[in-house]
Protein backbone atom coordinates (compact mmCIF):
# COMPACT_ATOMS: atom_id res chain seq x y z
CA MET A 1 138.64 61.46 46.57
CA LYS A 2 135.13 59.88 47.29
CA THR A 3 132.66 61.29 49.39
CA LYS A 4 131.57 59.07 51.83
CA THR A 5 127.92 58.02 52.56
CA ARG A 6 126.10 56.71 55.31
CA SER A 7 123.50 54.24 55.11
CA ILE A 8 120.42 54.47 57.46
CA PHE A 9 120.58 50.95 57.86
CA SER A 10 124.19 50.70 59.41
CA GLY A 11 123.34 51.60 63.00
CA ASP A 12 125.04 54.83 62.90
CA MET A 13 121.87 57.08 62.62
CA LEU A 14 122.66 60.70 64.16
CA PRO A 15 120.86 61.73 67.04
CA ARG A 16 118.50 64.29 65.39
CA GLU A 17 117.44 61.83 62.92
CA ARG A 18 116.67 59.37 65.63
CA TRP A 19 114.26 62.13 67.08
CA LEU A 20 112.96 62.89 64.04
CA VAL A 21 111.66 59.31 63.61
CA LEU A 22 110.43 59.20 67.06
CA LEU A 23 108.71 62.46 66.46
CA ALA A 24 107.06 61.12 63.07
CA PHE A 25 105.83 58.18 65.27
CA GLY A 26 104.64 59.95 68.15
CA PHE A 27 102.51 62.33 65.83
CA LEU A 28 101.10 59.36 64.30
CA ILE A 29 99.65 57.27 67.25
CA ALA A 30 98.67 60.60 69.59
CA VAL A 31 96.53 61.61 66.62
CA MET A 32 95.09 58.48 65.84
CA GLY A 33 95.76 56.40 69.08
CA GLY A 34 93.05 58.15 71.51
CA SER A 35 90.44 55.50 71.80
CA SER A 36 90.53 51.81 73.46
CA ARG A 37 87.67 50.57 71.31
CA SER A 38 88.74 47.48 69.08
CA ASP A 39 86.35 49.07 65.91
CA ILE A 40 88.08 52.28 65.57
CA ALA A 41 88.40 53.04 61.82
CA SER A 42 92.29 54.15 62.20
CA LEU A 43 93.07 50.79 63.97
CA PRO A 44 94.58 49.10 61.09
CA PHE A 45 96.53 51.96 59.74
CA PHE A 46 98.80 53.27 63.00
CA ARG A 47 99.11 49.54 64.02
CA ALA A 48 100.54 48.71 60.52
CA SER A 49 102.62 51.67 60.92
CA ALA A 50 103.73 50.94 64.90
CA VAL A 51 105.00 47.50 63.07
CA LEU A 52 107.19 49.36 60.49
CA PHE A 53 108.67 52.17 62.98
CA ALA A 54 109.80 48.53 65.14
CA PHE A 55 111.26 46.98 62.34
CA PHE A 56 112.81 50.48 61.43
CA ALA A 57 114.39 50.84 64.78
CA LEU A 58 115.93 47.34 65.03
CA ALA A 59 117.56 47.83 61.52
CA THR A 60 118.92 50.96 62.30
CA THR A 61 120.00 50.66 66.19
CA ARG A 62 122.87 48.76 67.44
CA THR A 63 122.29 45.47 69.34
CA GLY A 64 123.74 46.99 72.19
CA THR A 65 121.28 49.92 72.62
CA TRP A 66 118.55 46.86 73.54
CA ARG A 67 120.41 45.46 76.90
CA GLU A 68 119.15 48.76 78.81
CA ILE A 69 115.65 47.66 77.67
CA ARG A 70 116.09 43.79 77.84
CA LEU A 71 113.50 43.22 80.78
CA PRO A 72 110.56 45.25 79.61
CA LEU A 73 110.91 43.77 76.04
CA THR A 74 110.79 40.78 77.42
CA LEU A 75 108.29 41.14 79.60
CA LEU A 76 106.34 42.12 76.79
CA GLY A 77 107.20 39.46 74.95
CA LEU A 78 105.74 36.94 77.76
CA LEU A 79 102.67 38.76 77.84
CA ALA A 80 102.28 38.10 74.04
CA LEU A 81 103.64 34.47 74.59
CA TRP A 82 100.55 34.17 76.77
CA MET A 83 97.90 35.52 74.54
CA ILE A 84 99.12 33.22 71.91
CA ALA A 85 98.72 30.45 74.36
CA GLN A 86 94.99 31.68 75.55
CA LEU A 87 94.37 31.27 71.55
CA VAL A 88 95.81 27.58 71.31
CA PRO A 89 92.65 25.29 71.22
CA LEU A 90 91.90 22.67 74.18
CA PRO A 91 90.20 19.08 73.89
CA ALA A 92 86.49 19.66 74.54
CA ASP A 93 86.68 17.88 78.21
CA VAL A 94 89.80 19.68 79.06
CA TRP A 95 88.05 23.35 78.05
CA SER A 96 84.79 22.29 79.79
CA SER A 97 86.13 21.95 83.27
CA LEU A 98 87.54 25.58 83.16
CA PRO A 99 85.55 28.09 85.29
CA GLY A 100 82.65 29.75 83.37
CA ARG A 101 82.73 27.26 80.21
CA ASP A 102 79.86 25.08 81.31
CA ILE A 103 77.10 26.91 79.79
CA ILE A 104 78.61 26.72 76.57
CA TYR A 105 79.46 23.36 76.91
CA ARG A 106 76.08 22.41 77.75
CA MET A 107 75.08 24.22 74.43
CA ASP A 108 77.48 22.72 72.27
CA ARG A 109 76.08 19.14 73.42
CA LEU A 110 72.58 20.50 72.35
CA LEU A 111 73.88 21.34 69.06
CA GLY A 112 75.84 18.26 68.52
CA HIS A 113 79.02 19.68 68.73
CA ALA A 114 80.20 18.30 72.27
CA ASP A 115 83.57 17.49 70.98
CA ARG A 116 84.60 20.67 69.72
CA TRP A 117 88.08 22.35 70.48
CA ARG A 118 87.96 25.94 72.13
CA PRO A 119 91.09 28.15 72.85
CA ILE A 120 90.90 29.40 76.81
CA SER A 121 89.89 32.72 75.38
CA MET A 122 86.00 33.27 75.75
CA THR A 123 86.53 35.91 72.79
CA PRO A 124 89.76 34.81 70.41
CA SER A 125 88.74 37.80 67.82
CA LEU A 126 89.45 40.51 70.83
CA THR A 127 92.29 38.02 72.28
CA ARG A 128 94.06 38.39 68.77
CA ASN A 129 93.13 42.28 68.97
CA SER A 130 94.88 42.55 72.33
CA LEU A 131 98.08 41.07 70.87
CA LEU A 132 98.02 43.33 67.94
CA ALA A 133 97.58 45.96 70.23
CA LEU A 134 101.07 45.42 71.86
CA SER A 135 102.87 46.51 68.70
CA VAL A 136 102.19 50.07 69.97
CA PRO A 137 104.15 50.05 73.03
CA ALA A 138 106.78 47.46 71.81
CA ALA A 139 107.69 50.20 68.73
CA ALA A 140 107.64 53.28 71.32
CA LEU A 141 110.50 51.20 73.51
CA LEU A 142 112.35 50.35 70.61
CA LEU A 143 112.25 54.04 69.31
CA SER A 144 112.80 55.79 72.87
CA ALA A 145 115.18 53.63 73.90
CA ALA A 146 117.75 54.45 70.38
CA ILE A 147 117.82 57.70 71.62
CA PRO A 148 121.07 58.94 73.86
CA VAL A 149 121.02 58.89 77.61
CA GLU A 150 122.30 62.37 77.52
CA GLU A 151 119.46 63.39 75.15
CA ARG A 152 116.84 61.67 77.25
CA VAL A 153 115.17 65.01 78.13
CA ARG A 154 113.69 65.14 74.65
CA LEU A 155 111.09 62.20 75.75
CA TRP A 156 110.29 64.66 78.33
CA TRP A 157 109.59 67.52 75.51
CA ALA A 158 107.68 65.04 73.59
CA ILE A 159 105.26 63.92 76.52
CA TRP A 160 104.98 67.92 77.16
CA ALA A 161 104.28 68.48 72.96
CA PHE A 162 101.65 65.56 73.06
CA ALA A 163 100.07 66.78 76.42
CA MET A 164 99.96 70.54 74.84
CA LEU A 165 98.60 68.97 71.30
CA SER A 166 95.83 67.55 72.69
CA ALA A 167 94.90 70.96 74.83
CA ALA A 168 94.90 72.77 72.05
CA PHE A 169 92.52 70.43 70.44
CA SER A 170 90.26 70.56 73.26
CA LEU A 171 90.03 74.67 72.73
CA PHE A 172 88.58 73.97 69.48
CA GLN A 173 86.36 71.49 70.48
CA PHE A 174 84.96 73.96 72.97
CA VAL A 175 84.88 77.23 70.40
CA ALA A 176 82.93 74.52 67.97
CA GLY A 177 80.77 72.90 70.17
CA ALA A 178 79.77 69.33 70.59
CA ARG A 179 79.46 67.35 67.58
CA SER A 180 82.21 69.02 65.67
CA ALA A 181 84.58 67.56 63.32
CA PHE A 182 86.96 67.76 66.44
CA TYR A 183 85.48 65.28 68.19
CA LEU A 184 87.77 62.44 66.37
CA TYR A 185 85.37 59.20 67.80
CA ARG A 186 81.87 58.66 67.50
CA ILE A 187 81.68 57.02 70.91
CA THR A 188 83.10 59.79 73.40
CA ASN A 189 82.33 61.88 76.32
CA GLU A 190 80.16 64.45 74.34
CA GLY A 191 80.61 68.14 75.13
CA ALA A 192 83.66 67.15 77.43
CA LEU A 193 87.26 68.82 76.42
CA VAL A 194 88.37 65.30 75.52
CA GLY A 195 91.33 66.43 73.03
CA LEU A 196 92.58 63.99 71.11
CA PHE A 197 91.11 61.13 73.18
CA ALA A 198 87.34 59.60 73.18
CA ASN A 199 87.56 59.50 77.52
CA ARG A 200 88.07 62.65 79.23
CA ASN A 201 89.70 60.81 81.92
CA HIS A 202 92.41 59.93 79.55
CA GLN A 203 92.72 63.59 78.37
CA ALA A 204 93.31 64.57 82.08
CA LEU A 205 95.63 62.22 82.86
CA LEU A 206 97.71 63.33 79.63
CA LEU A 207 97.26 66.81 81.16
CA ALA A 208 98.82 65.73 84.58
CA LEU A 209 101.32 64.17 82.76
CA GLY A 210 102.03 67.07 80.82
CA ILE A 211 102.36 69.27 83.87
CA LEU A 212 105.14 66.91 85.35
CA ALA A 213 107.09 67.13 82.10
CA ALA A 214 106.89 71.04 81.82
CA GLY A 215 107.82 70.79 85.84
CA TRP A 216 110.99 68.97 85.10
CA LEU A 217 111.89 71.23 81.89
CA ILE A 218 111.74 74.39 83.84
CA THR A 219 114.15 72.72 86.41
CA GLN A 220 116.10 71.61 83.72
CA GLU A 221 116.16 75.31 82.35
CA PHE A 222 117.42 76.59 85.50
CA LEU A 223 120.42 74.05 85.87
CA ARG A 224 121.83 75.27 81.97
CA LYS A 225 124.67 77.64 81.92
CA HIS A 226 123.05 79.47 79.29
CA SER A 227 119.57 80.30 79.87
CA ARG A 228 117.09 80.94 77.43
CA PRO A 229 114.43 83.47 78.83
CA VAL A 230 111.78 82.74 76.78
CA VAL A 231 111.54 79.09 77.90
CA VAL A 232 110.56 79.30 81.50
CA PRO A 233 108.04 81.59 81.22
CA ALA A 234 106.43 79.59 78.37
CA LEU A 235 106.67 76.50 80.39
CA SER A 236 105.02 78.19 83.02
CA GLY A 237 102.17 79.59 81.31
CA SER A 238 101.31 76.19 80.15
CA ILE A 239 100.89 74.66 83.68
CA LEU A 240 98.50 77.21 84.49
CA ILE A 241 96.79 76.49 80.91
CA LEU A 242 97.07 72.23 81.69
CA ILE A 243 95.42 72.62 85.38
CA LEU A 244 92.66 75.36 84.31
CA LEU A 245 91.84 72.44 81.64
CA ILE A 246 91.93 69.72 84.21
CA LEU A 247 89.29 71.75 86.66
CA THR A 248 87.25 72.25 83.22
CA ILE A 249 87.00 68.81 82.02
CA GLY A 250 85.41 67.40 85.06
CA SER A 251 87.47 64.18 85.35
CA ARG A 252 87.91 63.67 89.50
CA GLN A 253 90.88 61.04 89.14
CA GLY A 254 92.74 63.54 86.76
CA LEU A 255 92.15 66.32 89.44
CA ILE A 256 93.83 64.02 91.79
CA CYS A 257 96.25 63.17 89.60
CA GLY A 258 97.08 66.92 88.62
CA LEU A 259 96.98 68.14 92.02
CA LEU A 260 99.77 65.57 92.94
CA ALA A 261 101.60 67.15 89.52
CA LEU A 262 101.62 70.28 91.12
CA THR A 263 102.77 69.18 94.68
CA VAL A 264 105.84 67.14 93.10
CA ILE A 265 106.57 70.20 90.51
CA PHE A 266 106.51 72.80 93.41
CA GLY A 267 109.40 71.04 95.03
CA ALA A 268 111.45 70.34 91.69
CA ILE A 269 111.32 73.91 90.38
CA ARG A 270 112.02 75.08 93.75
CA TRP A 271 115.32 72.94 94.04
CA GLY A 272 115.96 74.16 90.36
CA SER A 273 115.53 77.83 91.23
CA GLY A 274 117.67 77.56 94.30
CA GLN A 275 120.44 76.19 92.32
CA ARG A 276 120.26 79.31 89.61
CA ALA A 277 120.55 81.70 92.70
CA LYS A 278 123.46 80.15 94.17
CA ALA A 279 125.16 79.98 90.62
CA VAL A 280 124.15 83.55 89.89
CA GLY A 281 125.33 84.70 93.56
CA ARG A 282 128.79 83.20 92.73
CA ARG A 283 129.19 85.07 89.66
CA THR A 284 127.62 88.38 91.29
CA ALA A 285 129.42 88.18 94.41
CA GLY A 286 128.78 90.89 96.86
CA ALA A 287 125.04 91.75 95.23
CA MET A 288 122.23 92.28 97.43
CA PRO A 289 120.59 88.82 99.01
CA ALA A 290 116.99 88.24 98.13
CA ARG A 291 114.73 89.52 100.69
CA PRO A 292 112.90 87.23 103.23
CA LEU A 293 109.68 88.66 102.02
CA VAL A 294 110.31 87.85 98.45
CA ARG A 295 110.99 84.42 99.25
CA VAL A 296 108.25 84.02 100.98
CA ALA A 297 105.75 85.42 98.50
CA VAL A 298 107.43 82.81 95.75
CA ILE A 299 106.64 80.28 98.01
CA VAL A 300 102.96 81.03 99.13
CA LEU A 301 101.76 82.80 95.56
CA PRO A 302 101.32 79.17 93.67
CA PHE A 303 99.21 77.96 96.61
CA VAL A 304 97.20 81.28 96.62
CA VAL A 305 96.87 81.07 92.82
CA ILE A 306 95.63 77.07 92.89
CA GLY A 307 93.45 77.48 96.11
CA GLY A 308 91.52 80.83 94.35
CA LEU A 309 91.22 78.66 91.08
CA ILE A 310 89.61 75.74 92.95
CA ALA A 311 87.29 77.69 94.89
CA LEU A 312 86.34 79.78 92.05
CA PHE A 313 85.47 76.38 89.77
CA TYR A 314 83.59 75.00 93.17
CA TRP A 315 81.45 77.93 93.50
CA SER A 316 80.74 78.41 90.04
CA ASP A 317 77.25 77.33 88.22
CA ARG A 318 79.15 74.85 85.63
CA SER A 319 79.55 70.88 86.32
CA ASN A 320 83.72 70.48 86.83
CA ALA A 321 86.17 68.53 88.33
CA ILE A 322 85.99 70.25 91.82
CA VAL A 323 82.07 69.85 92.21
CA ARG A 324 81.85 66.41 90.79
CA LEU A 325 84.74 65.53 93.93
CA ILE A 326 83.42 67.09 96.59
CA ASP A 327 79.41 66.99 96.00
CA GLY A 328 78.77 64.38 93.13
CA ASP A 329 76.66 65.15 90.07
CA GLY A 330 74.37 61.99 89.90
CA ASP A 331 77.10 60.50 87.50
CA ALA A 332 75.46 57.19 86.00
CA ALA A 333 78.34 55.73 84.85
CA ALA A 334 80.23 55.79 88.39
CA ASP A 335 76.71 54.60 89.72
CA MET A 336 76.65 51.61 87.15
CA ARG A 337 80.36 50.96 88.15
CA PHE A 338 79.39 50.75 91.90
CA ALA A 339 76.64 48.63 91.63
CA ALA A 340 78.69 46.09 89.34
CA PHE A 341 81.54 46.23 91.37
CA GLY A 342 80.22 42.72 93.46
CA THR A 343 79.75 41.01 90.13
CA VAL A 344 83.12 42.31 88.94
CA LEU A 345 84.79 40.81 92.04
CA GLY A 346 82.51 37.06 91.16
CA LEU A 347 84.10 37.15 87.84
CA LEU A 348 87.71 37.76 89.54
CA LYS A 349 86.68 34.56 91.81
CA SER A 350 85.82 32.22 88.87
CA GLN A 351 88.58 33.29 86.09
CA TRP A 352 91.96 34.29 88.25
CA VAL A 353 93.60 30.88 87.54
CA LEU A 354 93.66 31.01 83.38
CA GLY A 355 91.40 34.41 83.05
CA GLY A 356 88.89 34.35 80.37
CA GLY A 357 91.05 35.85 77.68
CA PHE A 358 92.49 39.44 77.02
CA GLY A 359 89.67 41.36 75.68
CA SER A 360 86.88 39.39 76.90
CA PHE A 361 85.63 41.22 80.02
CA SER A 362 82.60 42.70 78.29
CA LYS A 363 81.54 39.29 76.99
CA LEU A 364 82.19 37.80 80.21
CA PHE A 365 80.43 40.24 82.21
CA GLN A 366 77.08 39.47 80.38
CA THR A 367 77.10 36.01 81.21
CA VAL A 368 77.08 36.87 84.56
CA GLU A 369 75.23 40.26 84.80
CA PRO A 370 72.23 40.69 87.00
CA ASP A 371 68.91 42.02 85.83
CA ALA A 372 69.50 45.30 87.66
CA LEU A 373 72.11 46.25 85.51
CA LEU A 374 70.42 45.39 82.30
CA LEU A 375 70.62 48.68 80.57
CA PRO A 376 70.64 50.64 77.37
CA SER A 377 74.28 50.71 77.61
CA TYR A 378 76.39 48.13 78.42
CA PHE A 379 79.24 47.76 80.56
CA ASN A 380 82.58 47.59 78.20
CA GLN A 381 85.39 47.66 80.50
CA ALA A 382 85.75 46.85 84.62
CA HIS A 383 86.94 50.77 84.80
CA ASN A 384 89.58 49.06 87.27
CA ASP A 385 92.46 47.51 85.22
CA TRP A 386 93.72 45.93 88.86
CA LEU A 387 90.82 43.44 89.16
CA GLN A 388 90.30 43.16 85.00
CA LEU A 389 93.92 42.14 84.59
CA PRO A 390 93.31 38.83 86.66
CA ILE A 391 89.77 38.40 85.03
CA GLU A 392 91.49 38.80 81.64
CA GLY A 393 95.17 37.33 81.98
CA GLY A 394 94.77 35.13 85.14
CA LEU A 395 97.58 34.44 87.48
CA PRO A 396 100.18 34.14 84.53
CA GLY A 397 98.99 37.73 83.49
CA VAL A 398 99.44 38.78 86.84
CA LEU A 399 103.00 37.57 87.73
CA ILE A 400 103.88 39.56 84.83
CA ALA A 401 102.53 42.79 85.75
CA LEU A 402 103.99 42.01 89.59
CA ALA A 403 107.36 41.35 87.40
CA GLY A 404 106.78 44.87 85.75
CA LEU A 405 106.36 46.31 88.90
CA VAL A 406 108.95 45.38 90.84
CA TRP A 407 111.73 46.16 88.11
CA LEU A 408 110.35 49.54 87.76
CA ALA A 409 110.14 50.14 92.04
CA VAL A 410 114.03 48.64 91.80
CA THR A 411 114.78 50.97 88.70
CA LEU A 412 113.83 54.11 90.44
CA VAL A 413 115.34 53.23 93.62
CA GLY A 414 118.58 52.45 91.67
CA ALA A 415 118.33 55.63 90.23
CA VAL A 416 117.99 57.28 93.50
CA PHE A 417 120.86 54.91 95.31
CA GLY A 418 122.98 54.25 92.27
CA ARG A 419 126.47 52.60 92.38
CA GLY A 420 128.06 55.70 91.26
CA ARG A 421 127.98 59.15 92.32
CA VAL A 422 124.19 59.98 92.22
CA THR A 423 123.72 63.78 91.48
CA THR A 424 120.71 65.60 92.69
CA PRO A 425 119.29 66.11 89.18
CA VAL A 426 119.07 62.23 88.77
CA LYS A 427 117.17 62.10 92.12
CA VAL A 428 114.78 64.66 91.27
CA GLU A 429 114.01 63.20 87.94
CA ALA A 430 113.44 60.12 89.48
CA MET A 431 111.17 61.42 92.02
CA LEU A 432 108.76 63.00 89.16
CA LEU A 433 109.14 59.82 87.12
CA GLY A 434 107.67 57.93 90.03
CA ALA A 435 105.10 60.62 90.37
CA ALA A 436 104.02 60.14 86.62
CA PHE A 437 103.89 56.17 87.49
CA ALA A 438 101.52 57.01 90.60
CA CYS A 439 99.10 58.99 88.38
CA LEU A 440 99.10 55.95 86.14
CA ALA A 441 98.64 53.71 89.15
CA ILE A 442 95.49 55.99 90.83
CA CYS A 443 93.74 56.22 87.20
CA SER A 444 93.82 52.54 86.65
CA PHE A 445 91.86 51.89 89.81
CA VAL A 446 89.14 53.53 88.30
CA ASP A 447 89.48 53.36 84.85
CA TYR A 448 91.82 51.73 81.89
CA PRO A 449 94.66 54.16 80.44
CA LEU A 450 96.94 51.22 79.66
CA ARG A 451 94.45 50.03 77.00
CA VAL A 452 94.75 53.42 75.13
CA PRO A 453 97.52 53.10 72.41
CA SER A 454 98.45 56.72 72.83
CA LEU A 455 98.68 56.55 76.51
CA GLU A 456 100.53 53.09 76.21
CA MET A 457 103.17 55.09 74.10
CA VAL A 458 103.57 57.50 77.04
CA ALA A 459 103.95 54.72 79.43
CA ALA A 460 106.61 53.28 77.08
CA PHE A 461 108.38 56.75 76.99
CA LEU A 462 108.37 56.69 80.82
CA VAL A 463 109.84 53.41 81.22
CA VAL A 464 112.81 54.26 78.85
CA LEU A 465 113.32 57.68 80.96
CA SER A 466 113.39 55.31 84.27
CA VAL A 467 116.03 53.15 82.53
CA LYS A 468 118.34 56.15 81.35
CA CYS A 469 118.00 57.86 84.65
CA ARG A 470 119.38 54.51 86.33
CA THR A 471 121.82 54.37 83.97
CA ARG A 472 123.37 58.13 84.53
CA SER A 473 122.98 57.59 88.09
CA ALA A 474 125.34 54.47 87.88
CA GLY A 475 127.80 56.12 85.07
CA ILE A 476 126.92 53.25 82.80
CA ASP A 477 126.35 53.94 79.11
CA GLU A 478 124.82 50.63 78.04
CA ALA A 479 124.14 51.40 74.55
CA ALA A 480 128.26 52.06 74.43
CA LYS A 481 128.89 48.49 75.53
CA PRO A 482 129.94 46.06 72.61
CA ALA A 483 127.50 43.59 71.08
CA SER A 484 127.66 40.08 72.72
């Protein structure tokens, strides 16, 4: 009798094997993809690896799996096509009629190249870089979509593990000091606890998402029939560590997101503990009910602890998120963003139709930069992706983004009001996912989190979680459907 063997390319990999592949991909991107710059040394390696992981996912997953993420993949494809279109050379007379191109066209005429064809993108090399950057979210979508819907909690574990790994790295930075080997990027917030990132705001955002993940995992633990006594205390301790780090880092947007995350998980955990109490009460009928004073203490204690931490940090002598949020600290970068806001709006008015090309903001800004903003440092991003997207991507880029936002809203609402019998855990999970996307949206008003590869990966995980949450809500397993 011959032993049956199983090929990894037959589309029947075990969930554990898929999880290990996803874990390897996540660790690689988490360690190497913490900066948005186009000149970091690890860029070619982890992008090439992302392409290989994407092809692996395509080769080892049944076609029906892609149905549930077909719209995100389609929008990602449309974004790639628009980037390619921005790289197609246009005749000189057409190109010169586009906004902001007249100066370059006049230079071409003086140099005797008036008939030179140019693409829409003002910086073709940086637009090609943006096109290649899509390999990371594409691979993350394909790999995470292959995780079965009933195993989706592992994606929450992955987000929490990423946050804790970055938190641990920041503690090493605290011990070793600035300019130590634990700062992975040459251009970074020196002295700040940036963890696996180059920017403290991105670190603080990840920690806030880690708080949301830990809150949902605690809630899930309360709903288990057989509880694991170590899990809830460990996750609770991690929440305290994460909020302490957010307070220490000095990121104001991270503090806002952290407080939002704490508020949301408080409701989720309180509901989950109530469900556990009911289950225990049914198993131990006739037991003494919990005293009202104890119930009040459980509700009030988290607010007392958080309030005490905020007061402690505010009255300390160190610069931290509380002090920067309430008093300000003469942040030169924030002052420059405020001073440059009018110039950024001017760019928006001139480039909103077709855009100046993805990745072109810093070069476009230099063409209109007023003398008052000429400094040794340069304005590399608009620090507001809601404005930078139309500047670089124009109306087509905005329409693609709007389609994604509408789809995401419909997906989360559908998870709460599904066609099937929607359970309360699904509703709670959908609300936590909504809070996670709200954190990304808030940070995008003052920064550029979705231009960082590792945060793009996390966002892709959240998108897949939203899809699988709605699939569970509707009682439909899309992956089980036969491929057409």
